[in-house]
Amino acid sequence: MVKPVVVEKEMGINEAEFFRNMRRTLEGRDHRVEGTAFILEDNGGDGCRLEVAFEAQPPRTIALLSVPVAKISLTFTGYDKADRQAFVDLFDRHFQRGGG
């Protein structure tokens, strides 16, 4: 059995933004949604599985400003290091915000 590799991120994002950006990130790839997680599986090929899960956290409050916070877990099973990094890079590009 292949041990999953988990990449965790803490992000200032709400659930609606997560779903909108994930659909763009997946670029038409076959997937299913279970609760607040997107799951991609290759049952016919090499058996790779990717789960990208959203978990809301308490918001951060600074003075009168309240910022949403979420823990995002990317769980890779059966992917090699290069493929994992390629998806993390793609994910980061789609979730990147402007700024300087």
PDB file of N, CA and C in Angstrom:
ATOM      1  N   MET A   1       0.848  -1.191   0.000  1.00  0.00           N
ATOM      2  CA  MET A   1       0.000   0.000   0.000  1.00  0.00           C
ATOM      3  C   MET A   1       0.889   1.248   0.000  1.00  0.00           C
ATOM      4  N   VAL A   2       0.566   2.175  -0.871  1.00  0.00           N
ATOM      5  CA  VAL A   2       1.315   3.416  -0.988  1.00  0.00           C
ATOM      6  C   VAL A   2       0.837   4.381   0.093  1.00  0.00           C
ATOM      7  N   LYS A   3       1.803   4.952   0.804  1.00  0.00           N
ATOM      8  CA  LYS A   3       1.471   5.901   1.862  1.00  0.00           C
ATOM      9  C   LYS A   3       1.144   7.261   1.241  1.00  0.00           C
ATOM     10  N   PRO A   4       0.005   7.856   1.627  1.00  0.00           N
ATOM     11  CA  PRO A   4      -0.352   9.177   1.092  1.00  0.00           C
ATOM     12  C   PRO A   4       0.634  10.254   1.543  1.00  0.00           C
ATOM     13  N   VAL A   5       0.787  11.270   0.702  1.00  0.00           N
ATOM     14  CA  VAL A   5       1.582  12.452   1.024  1.00  0.00           C
ATOM     15  C   VAL A   5       0.598  13.599   1.174  1.00  0.00           C
ATOM     16  N   VAL A   6       0.658  14.284   2.322  1.00  0.00           N
ATOM     17  CA  VAL A   6      -0.281  15.368   2.610  1.00  0.00           C
ATOM     18  C   VAL A   6       0.453  16.700   2.614  1.00  0.00           C
ATOM     19  N   VAL A   7      -0.096  17.661   1.868  1.00  0.00           N
ATOM     20  CA  VAL A   7       0.392  19.036   1.865  1.00  0.00           C
ATOM     21  C   VAL A   7      -0.717  19.880   2.475  1.00  0.00           C
ATOM     22  N   GLU A   8      -0.398  20.594   3.559  1.00  0.00           N
ATOM     23  CA  GLU A   8      -1.407  21.427   4.214  1.00  0.00           C
ATOM     24  C   GLU A   8      -1.068  22.897   4.030  1.00  0.00           C
ATOM     25  N   LYS A   9      -2.126  23.678   3.827  1.00  0.00           N
ATOM     26  CA  LYS A   9      -1.981  25.120   3.658  1.00  0.00           C
ATOM     27  C   LYS A   9      -3.020  25.814   4.527  1.00  0.00           C
ATOM     28  N   GLU A  10      -2.636  26.942   5.100  1.00  0.00           N
ATOM     29  CA  GLU A  10      -3.589  27.803   5.787  1.00  0.00           C
ATOM     30  C   GLU A  10      -3.804  29.009   4.887  1.00  0.00           C
ATOM     31  N   MET A  11      -5.067  29.259   4.550  1.00  0.00           N
ATOM     32  CA  MET A  11      -5.358  30.292   3.570  1.00  0.00           C
ATOM     33  C   MET A  11      -6.461  31.218   4.061  1.00  0.00           C
ATOM     34  N   GLY A  12      -6.405  32.459   3.622  1.00  0.00           N
ATOM     35  CA  GLY A  12      -7.449  33.436   3.911  1.00  0.00           C
ATOM     36  C   GLY A  12      -8.508  33.354   2.830  1.00  0.00           C
ATOM     37  N   ILE A  13      -9.398  32.370   2.936  1.00  0.00           N
ATOM     38  CA  ILE A  13     -10.380  32.098   1.889  1.00  0.00           C
ATOM     39  C   ILE A  13     -11.642  31.527   2.513  1.00  0.00           C
ATOM     40  N   ASN A  14     -12.782  31.826   1.896  1.00  0.00           N
ATOM     41  CA  ASN A  14     -14.023  31.217   2.390  1.00  0.00           C
ATOM     42  C   ASN A  14     -14.417  30.050   1.472  1.00  0.00           C
ATOM     43  N   GLU A  15     -15.457  29.345   1.837  1.00  0.00           N
ATOM     44  CA  GLU A  15     -15.844  28.139   1.105  1.00  0.00           C
ATOM     45  C   GLU A  15     -16.243  28.440  -0.338  1.00  0.00           C
ATOM     46  N   ALA A  16     -16.983  29.512  -0.566  1.00  0.00           N
ATOM     47  CA  ALA A  16     -17.413  29.856  -1.929  1.00  0.00           C
ATOM     48  C   ALA A  16     -16.206  30.140  -2.826  1.00  0.00           C
ATOM     49  N   GLU A  17     -15.213  30.868  -2.314  1.00  0.00           N
ATOM     50  CA  GLU A  17     -13.998  31.153  -3.089  1.00  0.00           C
ATOM     51  C   GLU A  17     -13.236  29.871  -3.380  1.00  0.00           C
ATOM     52  N   PHE A  18     -13.168  28.982  -2.391  1.00  0.00           N
ATOM     53  CA  PHE A  18     -12.486  27.700  -2.567  1.00  0.00           C
ATOM     54  C   PHE A  18     -13.113  26.914  -3.718  1.00  0.00           C
ATOM     55  N   PHE A  19     -14.449  26.788  -3.701  1.00  0.00           N
ATOM     56  CA  PHE A  19     -15.125  26.017  -4.747  1.00  0.00           C
ATOM     57  C   PHE A  19     -14.936  26.661  -6.121  1.00  0.00           C
ATOM     58  N   ARG A  20     -15.041  27.956  -6.215  1.00  0.00           N
ATOM     59  CA  ARG A  20     -14.872  28.661  -7.486  1.00  0.00           C
ATOM     60  C   ARG A  20     -13.452  28.449  -8.036  1.00  0.00           C
ATOM     61  N   ASN A  21     -12.449  28.636  -7.191  1.00  0.00           N
ATOM     62  CA  ASN A  21     -11.063  28.488  -7.639  1.00  0.00           C
ATOM     63  C   ASN A  21     -10.697  27.036  -7.937  1.00  0.00           C
ATOM     64  N   MET A  22     -11.247  26.088  -7.180  1.00  0.00           N
ATOM     65  CA  MET A  22     -10.936  24.676  -7.438  1.00  0.00           C
ATOM     66  C   MET A  22     -11.461  24.241  -8.793  1.00  0.00           C
ATOM     67  N   ARG A  23     -12.642  24.699  -9.154  1.00  0.00           N
ATOM     68  CA  ARG A  23     -13.194  24.320 -10.466  1.00  0.00           C
ATOM     69  C   ARG A  23     -12.294  24.840 -11.590  1.00  0.00           C
ATOM     70  N   ARG A  24     -11.750  26.040 -11.416  1.00  0.00           N
ATOM     71  CA  ARG A  24     -10.795  26.577 -12.410  1.00  0.00           C
ATOM     72  C   ARG A  24      -9.485  25.793 -12.376  1.00  0.00           C
ATOM     73  N   THR A  25      -9.029  25.458 -11.194  1.00  0.00           N
ATOM     74  CA  THR A  25      -7.765  24.727 -11.041  1.00  0.00           C
ATOM     75  C   THR A  25      -7.819  23.368 -11.737  1.00  0.00           C
ATOM     76  N   LEU A  26      -8.944  22.688 -11.636  1.00  0.00           N
ATOM     77  CA  LEU A  26      -9.051  21.339 -12.199  1.00  0.00           C
ATOM     78  C   LEU A  26      -9.170  21.345 -13.715  1.00  0.00           C
ATOM     79  N   GLU A  27      -9.455  22.492 -14.310  1.00  0.00           N
ATOM     80  CA  GLU A  27      -9.440  22.658 -15.764  1.00  0.00           C
ATOM     81  C   GLU A  27     -10.123  21.527 -16.518  1.00  0.00           C
ATOM     82  N   GLY A  28     -11.324  21.148 -16.085  1.00  0.00           N
ATOM     83  CA  GLY A  28     -12.098  20.123 -16.785  1.00  0.00           C
ATOM     84  C   GLY A  28     -11.730  18.690 -16.451  1.00  0.00           C
ATOM     85  N   ARG A  29     -10.794  18.480 -15.544  1.00  0.00           N
ATOM     86  CA  ARG A  29     -10.440  17.099 -15.161  1.00  0.00           C
ATOM     87  C   ARG A  29     -11.637  16.438 -14.473  1.00  0.00           C
ATOM     88  N   ASP A  30     -11.792  15.142 -14.703  1.00  0.00           N
ATOM     89  CA  ASP A  30     -12.866  14.399 -14.042  1.00  0.00           C
ATOM     90  C   ASP A  30     -12.634  14.403 -12.540  1.00  0.00           C
ATOM     91  N   HIS A  31     -13.689  14.734 -11.800  1.00  0.00           N
ATOM     92  CA  HIS A  31     -13.601  14.759 -10.347  1.00  0.00           C
ATOM     93  C   HIS A  31     -15.001  14.609  -9.769  1.00  0.00           C
ATOM     94  N   ARG A  32     -15.050  14.412  -8.476  1.00  0.00           N
ATOM     95  CA  ARG A  32     -16.325  14.431  -7.774  1.00  0.00           C
ATOM     96  C   ARG A  32     -16.142  15.267  -6.514  1.00  0.00           C
ATOM     97  N   VAL A  33     -17.258  15.749  -5.988  1.00  0.00           N
ATOM     98  CA  VAL A  33     -17.227  16.546  -4.772  1.00  0.00           C
ATOM     99  C   VAL A  33     -17.921  15.744  -3.688  1.00  0.00           C
ATOM    100  N   GLU A  34     -17.236  15.612  -2.560  1.00  0.00           N
ATOM    101  CA  GLU A  34     -17.813  14.964  -1.372  1.00  0.00           C
ATOM    102  C   GLU A  34     -17.716  15.956  -0.239  1.00  0.00           C
ATOM    103  N   GLY A  35     -18.844  16.523   0.142  1.00  0.00           N
ATOM    104  CA  GLY A  35     -18.847  17.539   1.192  1.00  0.00           C
ATOM    105  C   GLY A  35     -18.085  18.758   0.717  1.00  0.00           C
ATOM    106  N   THR A  36     -16.982  19.055   1.389  1.00  0.00           N
ATOM    107  CA  THR A  36     -16.154  20.199   0.999  1.00  0.00           C
ATOM    108  C   THR A  36     -14.803  19.741   0.440  1.00  0.00           C
ATOM    109  N   ALA A  37     -14.797  18.570  -0.180  1.00  0.00           N
ATOM    110  CA  ALA A  37     -13.558  18.036  -0.766  1.00  0.00           C
ATOM    111  C   ALA A  37     -13.769  17.696  -2.235  1.00  0.00           C
ATOM    112  N   PHE A  38     -12.747  17.983  -3.036  1.00  0.00           N
ATOM    113  CA  PHE A  38     -12.703  17.578  -4.431  1.00  0.00           C
ATOM    114  C   PHE A  38     -11.833  16.335  -4.513  1.00  0.00           C
ATOM    115  N   ILE A  39     -12.305  15.309  -5.225  1.00  0.00           N
ATOM    116  CA  ILE A  39     -11.565  14.054  -5.314  1.00  0.00           C
ATOM    117  C   ILE A  39     -11.363  13.696  -6.777  1.00  0.00           C
ATOM    118  N   LEU A  40     -10.104  13.417  -7.112  1.00  0.00           N
ATOM    119  CA  LEU A  40      -9.739  12.956  -8.454  1.00  0.00           C
ATOM    120  C   LEU A  40      -9.159  11.558  -8.289  1.00  0.00           C
ATOM    121  N   GLU A  41      -9.677  10.599  -9.067  1.00  0.00           N
ATOM    122  CA  GLU A  41      -9.179   9.233  -9.000  1.00  0.00           C
ATOM    123  C   GLU A  41      -8.940   8.698 -10.394  1.00  0.00           C
ATOM    124  N   ASP A  42      -7.921   7.880 -10.518  1.00  0.00           N
ATOM    125  CA  ASP A  42      -7.617   7.200 -11.763  1.00  0.00           C
ATOM    126  C   ASP A  42      -7.796   5.712 -11.499  1.00  0.00           C
ATOM    127  N   ASN A  43      -9.045   5.256 -11.511  1.00  0.00           N
ATOM    128  CA  ASN A  43      -9.332   3.855 -11.190  1.00  0.00           C
ATOM    129  C   ASN A  43      -8.938   2.907 -12.317  1.00  0.00           C
ATOM    130  N   GLY A  44      -8.887   3.408 -13.535  1.00  0.00           N
ATOM    131  CA  GLY A  44      -8.573   2.537 -14.658  1.00  0.00           C
ATOM    132  C   GLY A  44      -7.094   2.463 -14.968  1.00  0.00           C
ATOM    133  N   GLY A  45      -6.333   3.399 -14.469  1.00  0.00           N
ATOM    134  CA  GLY A  45      -4.913   3.450 -14.813  1.00  0.00           C
ATOM    135  C   GLY A  45      -4.026   3.048 -13.663  1.00  0.00           C
ATOM    136  N   ASP A  46      -3.258   4.021 -13.188  1.00  0.00           N
ATOM    137  CA  ASP A  46      -2.247   3.731 -12.174  1.00  0.00           C
ATOM    138  C   ASP A  46      -2.760   3.825 -10.743  1.00  0.00           C
ATOM    139  N   GLY A  47      -4.046   4.090 -10.554  1.00  0.00           N
ATOM    140  CA  GLY A  47      -4.623   4.101  -9.218  1.00  0.00           C
ATOM    141  C   GLY A  47      -4.296   5.332  -8.394  1.00  0.00           C
ATOM    142  N   CYS A  48      -3.885   6.412  -9.036  1.00  0.00           N
ATOM    143  CA  CYS A  48      -3.583   7.643  -8.310  1.00  0.00           C
ATOM    144  C   CYS A  48      -4.869   8.271  -7.790  1.00  0.00           C
ATOM    145  N   ARG A  49      -4.754   8.925  -6.629  1.00  0.00           N
ATOM    146  CA  ARG A  49      -5.903   9.595  -6.023  1.00  0.00           C
ATOM    147  C   ARG A  49      -5.427  10.900  -5.408  1.00  0.00           C
ATOM    148  N   LEU A  50      -6.220  11.956  -5.617  1.00  0.00           N
ATOM    149  CA  LEU A  50      -5.936  13.257  -5.023  1.00  0.00           C
ATOM    150  C   LEU A  50      -7.208  13.760  -4.369  1.00  0.00           C
ATOM    151  N   GLU A  51      -7.088  14.158  -3.122  1.00  0.00           N
ATOM    152  CA  GLU A  51      -8.208  14.774  -2.401  1.00  0.00           C
ATOM    153  C   GLU A  51      -7.760  16.154  -1.940  1.00  0.00           C
ATOM    154  N   VAL A  52      -8.541  17.173  -2.308  1.00  0.00           N
ATOM    155  CA  VAL A  52      -8.272  18.542  -1.890  1.00  0.00           C
ATOM    156  C   VAL A  52      -9.444  18.946  -1.001  1.00  0.00           C
ATOM    157  N   ALA A  53      -9.176  19.089   0.291  1.00  0.00           N
ATOM    158  CA  ALA A  53     -10.239  19.309   1.268  1.00  0.00           C
ATOM    159  C   ALA A  53     -10.151  20.692   1.905  1.00  0.00           C
ATOM    160  N   PHE A  54     -11.316  21.283   2.111  1.00  0.00           N
ATOM    161  CA  PHE A  54     -11.475  22.596   2.738  1.00  0.00           C
ATOM    162  C   PHE A  54     -12.010  22.391   4.148  1.00  0.00           C
ATOM    163  N   GLU A  55     -11.397  23.063   5.120  1.00  0.00           N
ATOM    164  CA  GLU A  55     -11.883  23.017   6.506  1.00  0.00           C
ATOM    165  C   GLU A  55     -11.840  24.437   7.065  1.00  0.00           C
ATOM    166  N   ALA A  56     -13.018  25.005   7.289  1.00  0.00           N
ATOM    167  CA  ALA A  56     -13.096  26.366   7.821  1.00  0.00           C
ATOM    168  C   ALA A  56     -12.504  26.415   9.224  1.00  0.00           C
ATOM    169  N   GLN A  57     -11.804  27.489   9.502  1.00  0.00           N
ATOM    170  CA  GLN A  57     -11.207  27.744  10.809  1.00  0.00           C
ATOM    171  C   GLN A  57     -11.817  29.032  11.359  1.00  0.00           C
ATOM    172  N   PRO A  58     -11.646  29.323  12.637  1.00  0.00           N
ATOM    173  CA  PRO A  58     -12.151  30.599  13.159  1.00  0.00           C
ATOM    174  C   PRO A  58     -11.508  31.765  12.414  1.00  0.00           C
ATOM    175  N   PRO A  59     -12.297  32.793  12.096  1.00  0.00           N
ATOM    176  CA  PRO A  59     -11.742  33.931  11.366  1.00  0.00           C
ATOM    177  C   PRO A  59     -10.721  34.683  12.211  1.00  0.00           C
ATOM    178  N   ARG A  60      -9.821  35.377  11.531  1.00  0.00           N
ATOM    179  CA  ARG A  60      -8.851  36.241  12.206  1.00  0.00           C
ATOM    180  C   ARG A  60      -9.439  37.641  12.259  1.00  0.00           C
ATOM    181  N   THR A  61      -9.359  38.259  13.407  1.00  0.00           N
ATOM    182  CA  THR A  61      -9.891  39.610  13.571  1.00  0.00           C
ATOM    183  C   THR A  61      -8.750  40.541  13.937  1.00  0.00           C
ATOM    184  N   ILE A  62      -8.634  41.604  13.141  1.00  0.00           N
ATOM    185  CA  ILE A  62      -7.636  42.643  13.391  1.00  0.00           C
ATOM    186  C   ILE A  62      -8.405  43.954  13.425  1.00  0.00           C
ATOM    187  N   ALA A  63      -8.501  44.537  14.622  1.00  0.00           N
ATOM    188  CA  ALA A  63      -9.316  45.736  14.830  1.00  0.00           C
ATOM    189  C   ALA A  63     -10.738  45.424  14.377  1.00  0.00           C
ATOM    190  N   LEU A  64     -11.259  46.129  13.396  1.00  0.00           N
ATOM    191  CA  LEU A  64     -12.625  45.887  12.927  1.00  0.00           C
ATOM    192  C   LEU A  64     -12.670  44.966  11.702  1.00  0.00           C
ATOM    193  N   LEU A  65     -11.517  44.492  11.270  1.00  0.00           N
ATOM    194  CA  LEU A  65     -11.429  43.647  10.082  1.00  0.00           C
ATOM    195  C   LEU A  65     -11.463  42.178  10.472  1.00  0.00           C
ATOM    196  N   SER A  66     -12.330  41.411   9.814  1.00  0.00           N
ATOM    197  CA  SER A  66     -12.411  39.973  10.049  1.00  0.00           C
ATOM    198  C   SER A  66     -12.068  39.258   8.738  1.00  0.00           C
ATOM    199  N   VAL A  67     -11.080  38.368   8.792  1.00  0.00           N
ATOM    200  CA  VAL A  67     -10.595  37.666   7.607  1.00  0.00           C
ATOM    201  C   VAL A  67     -10.906  36.172   7.745  1.00  0.00           C
ATOM    202  N   PRO A  68     -11.537  35.570   6.709  1.00  0.00           N
ATOM    203  CA  PRO A  68     -11.800  34.131   6.794  1.00  0.00           C
ATOM    204  C   PRO A  68     -10.492  33.347   6.763  1.00  0.00           C
ATOM    205  N   VAL A  69     -10.497  32.218   7.433  1.00  0.00           N
ATOM    206  CA  VAL A  69      -9.315  31.347   7.459  1.00  0.00           C
ATOM    207  C   VAL A  69      -9.778  29.921   7.199  1.00  0.00           C
ATOM    208  N   ALA A  70      -9.010  29.193   6.392  1.00  0.00           N
ATOM    209  CA  ALA A  70      -9.322  27.798   6.112  1.00  0.00           C
ATOM    210  C   ALA A  70      -8.045  26.980   6.082  1.00  0.00           C
ATOM    211  N   LYS A  71      -8.176  25.732   6.494  1.00  0.00           N
ATOM    212  CA  LYS A  71      -7.084  24.773   6.337  1.00  0.00           C
ATOM    213  C   LYS A  71      -7.406  23.971   5.083  1.00  0.00           C
ATOM    214  N   ILE A  72      -6.478  23.950   4.153  1.00  0.00           N
ATOM    215  CA  ILE A  72      -6.636  23.200   2.915  1.00  0.00           C
ATOM    216  C   ILE A  72      -5.635  22.046   2.948  1.00  0.00           C
ATOM    217  N   SER A  73      -6.146  20.831   2.751  1.00  0.00           N
ATOM    218  CA  SER A  73      -5.285  19.647   2.732  1.00  0.00           C
ATOM    219  C   SER A  73      -5.313  19.037   1.344  1.00  0.00           C
ATOM    220  N   LEU A  74      -4.144  18.839   0.783  1.00  0.00           N
ATOM    221  CA  LEU A  74      -4.001  18.152  -0.499  1.00  0.00           C
ATOM    222  C   LEU A  74      -3.380  16.795  -0.189  1.00  0.00           C
ATOM    223  N   THR A  75      -4.147  15.723  -0.366  1.00  0.00           N
ATOM    224  CA  THR A  75      -3.685  14.380  -0.042  1.00  0.00           C
ATOM    225  C   THR A  75      -3.459  13.609  -1.334  1.00  0.00           C
ATOM    226  N   PHE A  76      -2.195  13.313  -1.615  1.00  0.00           N
ATOM    227  CA  PHE A  76      -1.787  12.624  -2.836  1.00  0.00           C
ATOM    228  C   PHE A  76      -1.504  11.161  -2.522  1.00  0.00           C
ATOM    229  N   THR A  77      -2.098  10.260  -3.287  1.00  0.00           N
ATOM    230  CA  THR A  77      -1.799   8.839  -3.158  1.00  0.00           C
ATOM    231  C   THR A  77      -1.395   8.316  -4.531  1.00  0.00           C
ATOM    232  N   GLY A  78      -0.199   7.769  -4.622  1.00  0.00           N
ATOM    233  CA  GLY A  78       0.270   7.165  -5.858  1.00  0.00           C
ATOM    234  C   GLY A  78       0.931   8.122  -6.833  1.00  0.00           C
ATOM    235  N   TYR A  79       1.071   9.384  -6.474  1.00  0.00           N
ATOM    236  CA  TYR A  79       1.715  10.363  -7.352  1.00  0.00           C
ATOM    237  C   TYR A  79       3.205  10.449  -7.023  1.00  0.00           C
ATOM    238  N   ASP A  80       4.039  10.610  -8.056  1.00  0.00           N
ATOM    239  CA  ASP A  80       5.457  10.811  -7.772  1.00  0.00           C
ATOM    240  C   ASP A  80       5.688  12.273  -7.391  1.00  0.00           C
ATOM    241  N   LYS A  81       6.888  12.552  -6.921  1.00  0.00           N
ATOM    242  CA  LYS A  81       7.219  13.888  -6.407  1.00  0.00           C
ATOM    243  C   LYS A  81       7.010  14.977  -7.455  1.00  0.00           C
ATOM    244  N   ALA A  82       7.413  14.729  -8.682  1.00  0.00           N
ATOM    245  CA  ALA A  82       7.278  15.730  -9.743  1.00  0.00           C
ATOM    246  C   ALA A  82       5.814  16.049 -10.031  1.00  0.00           C
ATOM    247  N   ASP A  83       4.964  15.010 -10.072  1.00  0.00           N
ATOM    248  CA  ASP A  83       3.534  15.236 -10.318  1.00  0.00           C
ATOM    249  C   ASP A  83       2.876  15.969  -9.157  1.00  0.00           C
ATOM    250  N   ARG A  84       3.288  15.643  -7.933  1.00  0.00           N
ATOM    251  CA  ARG A  84       2.747  16.362  -6.765  1.00  0.00           C
ATOM    252  C   ARG A  84       3.118  17.835  -6.840  1.00  0.00           C
ATOM    253  N   GLN A  85       4.385  18.107  -7.118  1.00  0.00           N
ATOM    254  CA  GLN A  85       4.846  19.493  -7.184  1.00  0.00           C
ATOM    255  C   GLN A  85       4.159  20.253  -8.314  1.00  0.00           C
ATOM    256  N   ALA A  86       3.941  19.598  -9.440  1.00  0.00           N
ATOM    257  CA  ALA A  86       3.265  20.248 -10.564  1.00  0.00           C
ATOM    258  C   ALA A  86       1.842  20.653 -10.173  1.00  0.00           C
ATOM    259  N   PHE A  87       1.142  19.788  -9.435  1.00  0.00           N
ATOM    260  CA  PHE A  87      -0.222  20.149  -9.032  1.00  0.00           C
ATOM    261  C   PHE A  87      -0.205  21.250  -7.976  1.00  0.00           C
ATOM    262  N   VAL A  88       0.705  21.183  -7.025  1.00  0.00           N
ATOM    263  CA  VAL A  88       0.795  22.235  -6.005  1.00  0.00           C
ATOM    264  C   VAL A  88       1.089  23.582  -6.674  1.00  0.00           C
ATOM    265  N   ASP A  89       1.966  23.599  -7.663  1.00  0.00           N
ATOM    266  CA  ASP A  89       2.257  24.833  -8.394  1.00  0.00           C
ATOM    267  C   ASP A  89       1.014  25.355  -9.107  1.00  0.00           C
ATOM    268  N   LEU A  90       0.267  24.456  -9.750  1.00  0.00           N
ATOM    269  CA  LEU A  90      -0.974  24.831 -10.428  1.00  0.00           C
ATOM    270  C   LEU A  90      -1.978  25.384  -9.428  1.00  0.00           C
ATOM    271  N   PHE A  91      -2.130  24.704  -8.303  1.00  0.00           N
ATOM    272  CA  PHE A  91      -3.043  25.138  -7.233  1.00  0.00           C
ATOM    273  C   PHE A  91      -2.656  26.536  -6.762  1.00  0.00           C
ATOM    274  N   ASP A  92      -1.379  26.732  -6.479  1.00  0.00           N
ATOM    275  CA  ASP A  92      -0.911  28.033  -5.990  1.00  0.00           C
ATOM    276  C   ASP A  92      -1.182  29.149  -6.995  1.00  0.00           C
ATOM    277  N   ARG A  93      -0.986  28.878  -8.275  1.00  0.00           N
ATOM    278  CA  ARG A  93      -1.251  29.898  -9.307  1.00  0.00           C
ATOM    279  C   ARG A  93      -2.719  30.298  -9.340  1.00  0.00           C
ATOM    280  N   HIS A  94      -3.619  29.319  -9.228  1.00  0.00           N
ATOM    281  CA  HIS A  94      -5.048  29.619  -9.293  1.00  0.00           C
ATOM    282  C   HIS A  94      -5.577  30.289  -8.021  1.00  0.00           C
ATOM    283  N   PHE A  95      -4.891  30.107  -6.914  1.00  0.00           N
ATOM    284  CA  PHE A  95      -5.352  30.689  -5.655  1.00  0.00           C
ATOM    285  C   PHE A  95      -4.567  31.948  -5.286  1.00  0.00           C
ATOM    286  N   GLN A  96      -3.612  32.328  -6.124  1.00  0.00           N
ATOM    287  CA  GLN A  96      -2.797  33.504  -5.861  1.00  0.00           C
ATOM    288  C   GLN A  96      -3.648  34.757  -5.933  1.00  0.00           C
ATOM    289  N   ARG A  97      -3.365  35.664  -5.027  1.00  0.00           N
ATOM    290  CA  ARG A  97      -4.063  36.951  -5.019  1.00  0.00           C
ATOM    291  C   ARG A  97      -3.079  38.046  -5.393  1.00  0.00           C
ATOM    292  N   GLY A  98      -3.620  39.151  -5.870  1.00  0.00           N
ATOM    293  CA  GLY A  98      -2.767  40.287  -6.225  1.00  0.00           C
ATOM    294  C   GLY A  98      -2.141  40.898  -4.992  1.00  0.00           C
ATOM    295  N   GLY A  99      -1.193  41.716  -5.177  1.00  0.00           N
ATOM    296  CA  GLY A  99      -0.531  42.360  -4.055  1.00  0.00           C
ATOM    297  C   GLY A  99       0.915  42.637  -4.409  1.00  0.00           C
ATOM    298  N   GLY A 100       1.600  43.119  -3.436  1.00  0.00           N
ATOM    299  CA  GLY A 100       2.981  43.445  -3.757  1.00  0.00           C
ATOM    300  C   GLY A 100       3.867  43.503  -2.584  1.00  0.00           C
TER     301      GLY A 100
END
